[in-house]
């Protein structure tokens, strides 16, 4: 499973990133590129569904959803915890 590509696919379904999710670098600020609070909640819910994880309160912050790299790191940690 390629977590980064799955994140890009999910981002691509967000109106702000339609057609340009694959062009983002892993460190581009998603909030600077158009992600808003509603979009970040939609993103979180889609990630939870796609990876069968649940974001704990400690990860429900702007930093966790700021970049593709930050999201990948958070999701990877959650997936590993689920597998343990």
PDB file of N, CA and C in Angstrom:
ATOM      1  N   UNK A   1       0.856  -1.180   0.000  1.00  0.00           N
ATOM      2  CA  UNK A   1       0.000   0.000   0.000  1.00  0.00           C
ATOM      3  C   UNK A   1       0.903   1.244   0.000  1.00  0.00           C
ATOM      4  N   UNK A   2       0.673   2.107  -0.928  1.00  0.00           N
ATOM      5  CA  UNK A   2       1.433   3.345  -0.997  1.00  0.00           C
ATOM      6  C   UNK A   2       0.624   4.436  -0.297  1.00  0.00           C
ATOM      7  N   UNK A   3       1.021   4.748   0.916  1.00  0.00           N
ATOM      8  CA  UNK A   3       0.275   5.708   1.731  1.00  0.00           C
ATOM      9  C   UNK A   3       0.272   7.085   1.083  1.00  0.00           C
ATOM     10  N   UNK A   4       1.414   7.503   0.550  1.00  0.00           N
ATOM     11  CA  UNK A   4       1.495   8.835  -0.049  1.00  0.00           C
ATOM     12  C   UNK A   4       0.539   8.974  -1.224  1.00  0.00           C
ATOM     13  N   UNK A   5       0.470   7.957  -2.090  1.00  0.00           N
ATOM     14  CA  UNK A   5      -0.435   8.043  -3.238  1.00  0.00           C
ATOM     15  C   UNK A   5      -1.893   8.017  -2.790  1.00  0.00           C
ATOM     16  N   UNK A   6      -2.190   7.241  -1.766  1.00  0.00           N
ATOM     17  CA  UNK A   6      -3.559   7.214  -1.242  1.00  0.00           C
ATOM     18  C   UNK A   6      -3.948   8.586  -0.690  1.00  0.00           C
ATOM     19  N   UNK A   7      -3.019   9.248  -0.026  1.00  0.00           N
ATOM     20  CA  UNK A   7      -3.279  10.601   0.489  1.00  0.00           C
ATOM     21  C   UNK A   7      -3.531  11.545  -0.677  1.00  0.00           C
ATOM     22  N   UNK A   8      -2.729  11.438  -1.721  1.00  0.00           N
ATOM     23  CA  UNK A   8      -2.924  12.286  -2.902  1.00  0.00           C
ATOM     24  C   UNK A   8      -4.287  12.024  -3.550  1.00  0.00           C
ATOM     25  N   UNK A   9      -4.686  10.758  -3.608  1.00  0.00           N
ATOM     26  CA  UNK A   9      -5.993  10.408  -4.176  1.00  0.00           C
ATOM     27  C   UNK A   9      -7.118  11.034  -3.367  1.00  0.00           C
ATOM     28  N   UNK A  10      -7.000  10.962  -2.056  1.00  0.00           N
ATOM     29  CA  UNK A  10      -8.019  11.547  -1.181  1.00  0.00           C
ATOM     30  C   UNK A  10      -8.021  13.065  -1.328  1.00  0.00           C
ATOM     31  N   UNK A  11      -6.839  13.668  -1.354  1.00  0.00           N
ATOM     32  CA  UNK A  11      -6.756  15.122  -1.547  1.00  0.00           C
ATOM     33  C   UNK A  11      -7.386  15.537  -2.876  1.00  0.00           C
ATOM     34  N   UNK A  12      -7.200  14.714  -3.900  1.00  0.00           N
ATOM     35  CA  UNK A  12      -7.743  15.019  -5.216  1.00  0.00           C
ATOM     36  C   UNK A  12      -9.255  15.094  -5.230  1.00  0.00           C
ATOM     37  N   UNK A  13      -9.896  14.457  -4.265  1.00  0.00           N
ATOM     38  CA  UNK A  13     -11.360  14.518  -4.189  1.00  0.00           C
ATOM     39  C   UNK A  13     -11.825  15.788  -3.479  1.00  0.00           C
ATOM     40  N   UNK A  14     -10.890  16.536  -2.893  1.00  0.00           N
ATOM     41  CA  UNK A  14     -11.209  17.815  -2.256  1.00  0.00           C
ATOM     42  C   UNK A  14     -11.208  18.893  -3.339  1.00  0.00           C
ATOM     43  N   UNK A  15     -12.234  19.702  -3.348  1.00  0.00           N
ATOM     44  CA  UNK A  15     -12.392  20.721  -4.388  1.00  0.00           C
ATOM     45  C   UNK A  15     -11.155  21.604  -4.546  1.00  0.00           C
ATOM     46  N   UNK A  16     -10.503  21.936  -3.453  1.00  0.00           N
ATOM     47  CA  UNK A  16      -9.332  22.822  -3.501  1.00  0.00           C
ATOM     48  C   UNK A  16      -8.150  22.182  -4.229  1.00  0.00           C
ATOM     49  N   UNK A  17      -8.122  20.847  -4.285  1.00  0.00           N
ATOM     50  CA  UNK A  17      -6.970  20.155  -4.858  1.00  0.00           C
ATOM     51  C   UNK A  17      -7.306  19.354  -6.110  1.00  0.00           C
ATOM     52  N   UNK A  18      -8.524  19.443  -6.575  1.00  0.00           N
ATOM     53  CA  UNK A  18      -8.941  18.685  -7.763  1.00  0.00           C
ATOM     54  C   UNK A  18      -8.000  18.993  -8.928  1.00  0.00           C
ATOM     55  N   UNK A  19      -7.440  17.947  -9.488  1.00  0.00           N
ATOM     56  CA  UNK A  19      -6.567  18.098 -10.640  1.00  0.00           C
ATOM     57  C   UNK A  19      -5.146  18.519 -10.341  1.00  0.00           C
ATOM     58  N   UNK A  20      -4.838  18.821  -9.091  1.00  0.00           N
ATOM     59  CA  UNK A  20      -3.468  19.248  -8.799  1.00  0.00           C
ATOM     60  C   UNK A  20      -2.831  18.533  -7.608  1.00  0.00           C
ATOM     61  N   UNK A  21      -3.501  17.548  -7.042  1.00  0.00           N
ATOM     62  CA  UNK A  21      -2.960  16.833  -5.883  1.00  0.00           C
ATOM     63  C   UNK A  21      -1.649  16.131  -6.216  1.00  0.00           C
ATOM     64  N   UNK A  22      -1.522  15.612  -7.440  1.00  0.00           N
ATOM     65  CA  UNK A  22      -0.297  14.903  -7.812  1.00  0.00           C
ATOM     66  C   UNK A  22       0.867  15.852  -8.078  1.00  0.00           C
ATOM     67  N   UNK A  23       0.592  17.140  -8.184  1.00  0.00           N
ATOM     68  CA  UNK A  23       1.648  18.122  -8.452  1.00  0.00           C
ATOM     69  C   UNK A  23       2.227  18.720  -7.172  1.00  0.00           C
ATOM     70  N   UNK A  24       1.611  18.440  -6.040  1.00  0.00           N
ATOM     71  CA  UNK A  24       2.077  18.985  -4.764  1.00  0.00           C
ATOM     72  C   UNK A  24       3.327  18.255  -4.300  1.00  0.00           C
ATOM     73  N   UNK A  25       4.259  19.006  -3.736  1.00  0.00           N
ATOM     74  CA  UNK A  25       5.404  18.344  -3.108  1.00  0.00           C
ATOM     75  C   UNK A  25       4.947  17.846  -1.736  1.00  0.00           C
ATOM     76  N   UNK A  26       5.743  16.998  -1.141  1.00  0.00           N
ATOM     77  CA  UNK A  26       5.375  16.465   0.172  1.00  0.00           C
ATOM     78  C   UNK A  26       5.415  17.538   1.250  1.00  0.00           C
ATOM     79  N   UNK A  27       6.071  18.656   0.966  1.00  0.00           N
ATOM     80  CA  UNK A  27       6.218  19.695   1.982  1.00  0.00           C
ATOM     81  C   UNK A  27       5.446  20.982   1.671  1.00  0.00           C
ATOM     82  N   UNK A  28       4.663  20.993   0.595  1.00  0.00           N
ATOM     83  CA  UNK A  28       3.817  22.160   0.317  1.00  0.00           C
ATOM     84  C   UNK A  28       2.778  22.302   1.426  1.00  0.00           C
ATOM     85  N   UNK A  29       2.551  23.528   1.860  1.00  0.00           N
ATOM     86  CA  UNK A  29       1.539  23.778   2.884  1.00  0.00           C
ATOM     87  C   UNK A  29       0.150  23.608   2.272  1.00  0.00           C
ATOM     88  N   UNK A  30      -0.570  22.617   2.744  1.00  0.00           N
ATOM     89  CA  UNK A  30      -1.909  22.373   2.217  1.00  0.00           C
ATOM     90  C   UNK A  30      -2.855  23.510   2.570  1.00  0.00           C
ATOM     91  N   UNK A  31      -2.629  24.146   3.710  1.00  0.00           N
ATOM     92  CA  UNK A  31      -3.481  25.261   4.106  1.00  0.00           C
ATOM     93  C   UNK A  31      -3.223  26.480   3.216  1.00  0.00           C
ATOM     94  N   UNK A  32      -1.964  26.694   2.847  1.00  0.00           N
ATOM     95  CA  UNK A  32      -1.645  27.785   1.922  1.00  0.00           C
ATOM     96  C   UNK A  32      -2.212  27.516   0.532  1.00  0.00           C
ATOM     97  N   UNK A  33      -2.391  26.238   0.204  1.00  0.00           N
ATOM     98  CA  UNK A  33      -2.888  25.854  -1.115  1.00  0.00           C
ATOM     99  C   UNK A  33      -4.418  25.775  -1.173  1.00  0.00           C
ATOM    100  N   UNK A  34      -5.094  26.031  -0.053  1.00  0.00           N
ATOM    101  CA  UNK A  34      -6.551  26.084  -0.093  1.00  0.00           C
ATOM    102  C   UNK A  34      -7.298  25.181   0.866  1.00  0.00           C
ATOM    103  N   UNK A  35      -6.590  24.351   1.626  1.00  0.00           N
ATOM    104  CA  UNK A  35      -7.278  23.503   2.599  1.00  0.00           C
ATOM    105  C   UNK A  35      -7.802  24.376   3.730  1.00  0.00           C
ATOM    106  N   UNK A  36      -9.075  24.191   4.071  1.00  0.00           N
ATOM    107  CA  UNK A  36      -9.662  24.936   5.187  1.00  0.00           C
ATOM    108  C   UNK A  36     -10.061  23.950   6.284  1.00  0.00           C
ATOM    109  N   UNK A  37     -10.640  24.456   7.362  1.00  0.00           N
ATOM    110  CA  UNK A  37     -10.965  23.590   8.496  1.00  0.00           C
ATOM    111  C   UNK A  37     -11.985  22.521   8.114  1.00  0.00           C
ATOM    112  N   UNK A  38     -12.980  22.890   7.308  1.00  0.00           N
ATOM    113  CA  UNK A  38     -13.973  21.907   6.869  1.00  0.00           C
ATOM    114  C   UNK A  38     -13.301  20.839   6.008  1.00  0.00           C
ATOM    115  N   UNK A  39     -12.439  21.269   5.112  1.00  0.00           N
ATOM    116  CA  UNK A  39     -11.716  20.326   4.260  1.00  0.00           C
ATOM    117  C   UNK A  39     -10.809  19.409   5.047  1.00  0.00           C
ATOM    118  N   UNK A  40     -10.209  19.927   6.111  1.00  0.00           N
ATOM    119  CA  UNK A  40      -9.318  19.087   6.913  1.00  0.00           C
ATOM    120  C   UNK A  40     -10.113  18.020   7.668  1.00  0.00           C
ATOM    121  N   UNK A  41     -11.330  18.356   8.075  1.00  0.00           N
ATOM    122  CA  UNK A  41     -12.187  17.355   8.735  1.00  0.00           C
ATOM    123  C   UNK A  41     -12.595  16.285   7.724  1.00  0.00           C
ATOM    124  N   UNK A  42     -12.963  16.711   6.514  1.00  0.00           N
ATOM    125  CA  UNK A  42     -13.294  15.743   5.460  1.00  0.00           C
ATOM    126  C   UNK A  42     -12.096  14.841   5.160  1.00  0.00           C
ATOM    127  N   UNK A  43     -10.929  15.434   5.095  1.00  0.00           N
ATOM    128  CA  UNK A  43      -9.704  14.689   4.846  1.00  0.00           C
ATOM    129  C   UNK A  43      -9.464  13.665   5.952  1.00  0.00           C
ATOM    130  N   UNK A  44      -9.598  14.093   7.188  1.00  0.00           N
ATOM    131  CA  UNK A  44      -9.403  13.185   8.320  1.00  0.00           C
ATOM    132  C   UNK A  44     -10.370  12.005   8.246  1.00  0.00           C
ATOM    133  N   UNK A  45     -11.633  12.281   7.974  1.00  0.00           N
ATOM    134  CA  UNK A  45     -12.630  11.208   7.902  1.00  0.00           C
ATOM    135  C   UNK A  45     -12.323  10.241   6.764  1.00  0.00           C
ATOM    136  N   UNK A  46     -11.907  10.765   5.633  1.00  0.00           N
ATOM    137  CA  UNK A  46     -11.558   9.909   4.497  1.00  0.00           C
ATOM    138  C   UNK A  46     -10.326   9.057   4.808  1.00  0.00           C
ATOM    139  N   UNK A  47      -9.347   9.635   5.484  1.00  0.00           N
ATOM    140  CA  UNK A  47      -8.152   8.887   5.874  1.00  0.00           C
ATOM    141  C   UNK A  47      -8.509   7.778   6.862  1.00  0.00           C
ATOM    142  N   UNK A  48      -9.363   8.104   7.827  1.00  0.00           N
ATOM    143  CA  UNK A  48      -9.781   7.090   8.798  1.00  0.00           C
ATOM    144  C   UNK A  48     -10.472   5.928   8.102  1.00  0.00           C
ATOM    145  N   UNK A  49     -11.323   6.240   7.154  1.00  0.00           N
ATOM    146  CA  UNK A  49     -12.040   5.191   6.432  1.00  0.00           C
ATOM    147  C   UNK A  49     -11.080   4.376   5.556  1.00  0.00           C
ATOM    148  N   UNK A  50     -10.228   5.050   4.826  1.00  0.00           N
ATOM    149  CA  UNK A  50      -9.319   4.372   3.887  1.00  0.00           C
ATOM    150  C   UNK A  50      -8.329   3.463   4.597  1.00  0.00           C
ATOM    151  N   UNK A  51      -7.809   3.901   5.750  1.00  0.00           N
ATOM    152  CA  UNK A  51      -6.766   3.148   6.443  1.00  0.00           C
ATOM    153  C   UNK A  51      -7.261   2.407   7.684  1.00  0.00           C
ATOM    154  N   UNK A  52      -8.563   2.477   7.956  1.00  0.00           N
ATOM    155  CA  UNK A  52      -9.150   1.802   9.122  1.00  0.00           C
ATOM    156  C   UNK A  52      -8.435   2.184  10.412  1.00  0.00           C
ATOM    157  N   UNK A  53      -8.267   3.475  10.589  1.00  0.00           N
ATOM    158  CA  UNK A  53      -7.636   4.007  11.797  1.00  0.00           C
ATOM    159  C   UNK A  53      -8.535   5.098  12.371  1.00  0.00           C
ATOM    160  N   UNK A  54      -8.195   5.531  13.572  1.00  0.00           N
ATOM    161  CA  UNK A  54      -8.912   6.648  14.190  1.00  0.00           C
ATOM    162  C   UNK A  54      -7.876   7.639  14.720  1.00  0.00           C
ATOM    163  N   UNK A  55      -8.015   8.886  14.298  1.00  0.00           N
ATOM    164  CA  UNK A  55      -7.094   9.914  14.767  1.00  0.00           C
ATOM    165  C   UNK A  55      -7.408  10.247  16.224  1.00  0.00           C
ATOM    166  N   UNK A  56      -6.428  10.112  17.113  1.00  0.00           N
ATOM    167  CA  UNK A  56      -6.647  10.489  18.511  1.00  0.00           C
ATOM    168  C   UNK A  56      -6.645  12.013  18.644  1.00  0.00           C
ATOM    169  N   UNK A  57      -7.185  12.501  19.735  1.00  0.00           N
ATOM    170  CA  UNK A  57      -7.256  13.949  19.967  1.00  0.00           C
ATOM    171  C   UNK A  57      -5.896  14.627  19.827  1.00  0.00           C
ATOM    172  N   UNK A  58      -4.838  13.937  20.230  1.00  0.00           N
ATOM    173  CA  UNK A  58      -3.493  14.529  20.174  1.00  0.00           C
ATOM    174  C   UNK A  58      -3.062  14.863  18.745  1.00  0.00           C
ATOM    175  N   UNK A  59      -3.645  14.194  17.752  1.00  0.00           N
ATOM    176  CA  UNK A  59      -3.283  14.453  16.357  1.00  0.00           C
ATOM    177  C   UNK A  59      -4.287  15.347  15.639  1.00  0.00           C
ATOM    178  N   UNK A  60      -5.305  15.770  16.338  1.00  0.00           N
ATOM    179  CA  UNK A  60      -6.318  16.625  15.710  1.00  0.00           C
ATOM    180  C   UNK A  60      -5.895  18.082  15.821  1.00  0.00           C
ATOM    181  N   UNK A  61      -4.897  18.428  15.007  1.00  0.00           N
ATOM    182  CA  UNK A  61      -4.383  19.793  15.010  1.00  0.00           C
ATOM    183  C   UNK A  61      -3.907  20.156  13.606  1.00  0.00           C
ATOM    184  N   UNK A  62      -3.696  21.415  13.412  1.00  0.00           N
ATOM    185  CA  UNK A  62      -3.292  21.929  12.092  1.00  0.00           C
ATOM    186  C   UNK A  62      -1.971  21.320  11.618  1.00  0.00           C
ATOM    187  N   UNK A  63      -1.055  21.101  12.541  1.00  0.00           N
ATOM    188  CA  UNK A  63       0.260  20.557  12.191  1.00  0.00           C
ATOM    189  C   UNK A  63       0.144  19.164  11.568  1.00  0.00           C
ATOM    190  N   UNK A  64      -0.768  18.347  12.052  1.00  0.00           N
ATOM    191  CA  UNK A  64      -0.928  16.979  11.541  1.00  0.00           C
ATOM    192  C   UNK A  64      -1.406  16.936  10.101  1.00  0.00           C
ATOM    193  N   UNK A  65      -2.070  17.999   9.647  1.00  0.00           N
ATOM    194  CA  UNK A  65      -2.642  18.032   8.303  1.00  0.00           C
ATOM    195  C   UNK A  65      -2.010  19.120   7.430  1.00  0.00           C
ATOM    196  N   UNK A  66      -0.868  19.650   7.860  1.00  0.00           N
ATOM    197  CA  UNK A  66      -0.250  20.785   7.179  1.00  0.00           C
ATOM    198  C   UNK A  66       0.370  20.421   5.832  1.00  0.00           C
ATOM    199  N   UNK A  67       0.931  19.225   5.728  1.00  0.00           N
ATOM    200  CA  UNK A  67       1.611  18.808   4.498  1.00  0.00           C
ATOM    201  C   UNK A  67       1.320  17.329   4.242  1.00  0.00           C
ATOM    202  N   UNK A  68       1.595  16.900   3.034  1.00  0.00           N
ATOM    203  CA  UNK A  68       1.438  15.475   2.724  1.00  0.00           C
ATOM    204  C   UNK A  68       2.385  14.656   3.598  1.00  0.00           C
ATOM    205  N   UNK A  69       3.591  15.156   3.822  1.00  0.00           N
ATOM    206  CA  UNK A  69       4.551  14.441   4.677  1.00  0.00           C
ATOM    207  C   UNK A  69       4.015  14.287   6.106  1.00  0.00           C
ATOM    208  N   UNK A  70       3.439  15.341   6.664  1.00  0.00           N
ATOM    209  CA  UNK A  70       2.891  15.283   8.027  1.00  0.00           C
ATOM    210  C   UNK A  70       1.743  14.284   8.101  1.00  0.00           C
ATOM    211  N   UNK A  71       0.892  14.295   7.085  1.00  0.00           N
ATOM    212  CA  UNK A  71      -0.232  13.350   7.063  1.00  0.00           C
ATOM    213  C   UNK A  71       0.291  11.921   6.957  1.00  0.00           C
ATOM    214  N   UNK A  72       1.248  11.711   6.056  1.00  0.00           N
ATOM    215  CA  UNK A  72       1.822  10.372   5.886  1.00  0.00           C
ATOM    216  C   UNK A  72       2.437   9.872   7.188  1.00  0.00           C
ATOM    217  N   UNK A  73       3.173  10.730   7.873  1.00  0.00           N
ATOM    218  CA  UNK A  73       3.796  10.333   9.140  1.00  0.00           C
ATOM    219  C   UNK A  73       2.738   9.950  10.171  1.00  0.00           C
ATOM    220  N   UNK A  74       1.680  10.753  10.262  1.00  0.00           N
ATOM    221  CA  UNK A  74       0.614  10.472  11.224  1.00  0.00           C
ATOM    222  C   UNK A  74      -0.095   9.169  10.877  1.00  0.00           C
ATOM    223  N   UNK A  75      -0.452   9.001   9.599  1.00  0.00           N
ATOM    224  CA  UNK A  75      -1.159   7.788   9.181  1.00  0.00           C
ATOM    225  C   UNK A  75      -0.270   6.561   9.366  1.00  0.00           C
ATOM    226  N   UNK A  76       0.999   6.663   9.008  1.00  0.00           N
ATOM    227  CA  UNK A  76       1.914   5.526   9.173  1.00  0.00           C
ATOM    228  C   UNK A  76       1.994   5.101  10.638  1.00  0.00           C
ATOM    229  N   UNK A  77       2.068   6.063  11.530  1.00  0.00           N
ATOM    230  CA  UNK A  77       2.108   5.759  12.963  1.00  0.00           C
ATOM    231  C   UNK A  77       0.824   5.066  13.399  1.00  0.00           C
ATOM    232  N   UNK A  78      -0.314   5.570  12.951  1.00  0.00           N
ATOM    233  CA  UNK A  78      -1.602   4.976  13.332  1.00  0.00           C
ATOM    234  C   UNK A  78      -1.766   3.566  12.770  1.00  0.00           C
ATOM    235  N   UNK A  79      -1.324   3.367  11.521  1.00  0.00           N
ATOM    236  CA  UNK A  79      -1.415   2.031  10.913  1.00  0.00           C
ATOM    237  C   UNK A  79      -0.544   1.042  11.676  1.00  0.00           C
ATOM    238  N   UNK A  80       0.662   1.465  12.045  1.00  0.00           N
ATOM    239  CA  UNK A  80       1.550   0.579  12.826  1.00  0.00           C
ATOM    240  C   UNK A  80       0.928   0.241  14.177  1.00  0.00           C
ATOM    241  N   UNK A  81       0.303   1.225  14.815  1.00  0.00           N
ATOM    242  CA  UNK A  81      -0.326   0.981  16.120  1.00  0.00           C
ATOM    243  C   UNK A  81      -1.487  -0.002  15.985  1.00  0.00           C
ATOM    244  N   UNK A  82      -2.247   0.107  14.913  1.00  0.00           N
ATOM    245  CA  UNK A  82      -3.362  -0.818  14.676  1.00  0.00           C
ATOM    246  C   UNK A  82      -2.864  -2.238  14.451  1.00  0.00           C
ATOM    247  N   UNK A  83      -1.718  -2.361  13.784  1.00  0.00           N
ATOM    248  CA  UNK A  83      -1.177  -3.674  13.461  1.00  0.00           C
ATOM    249  C   UNK A  83      -0.567  -4.369  14.675  1.00  0.00           C
ATOM    250  N   UNK A  84      -0.196  -3.569  15.677  1.00  0.00           N
ATOM    251  CA  UNK A  84       0.481  -4.133  16.864  1.00  0.00           C
ATOM    252  C   UNK A  84      -0.477  -4.856  17.783  1.00  0.00           C
TER     253      UNK A  84
END
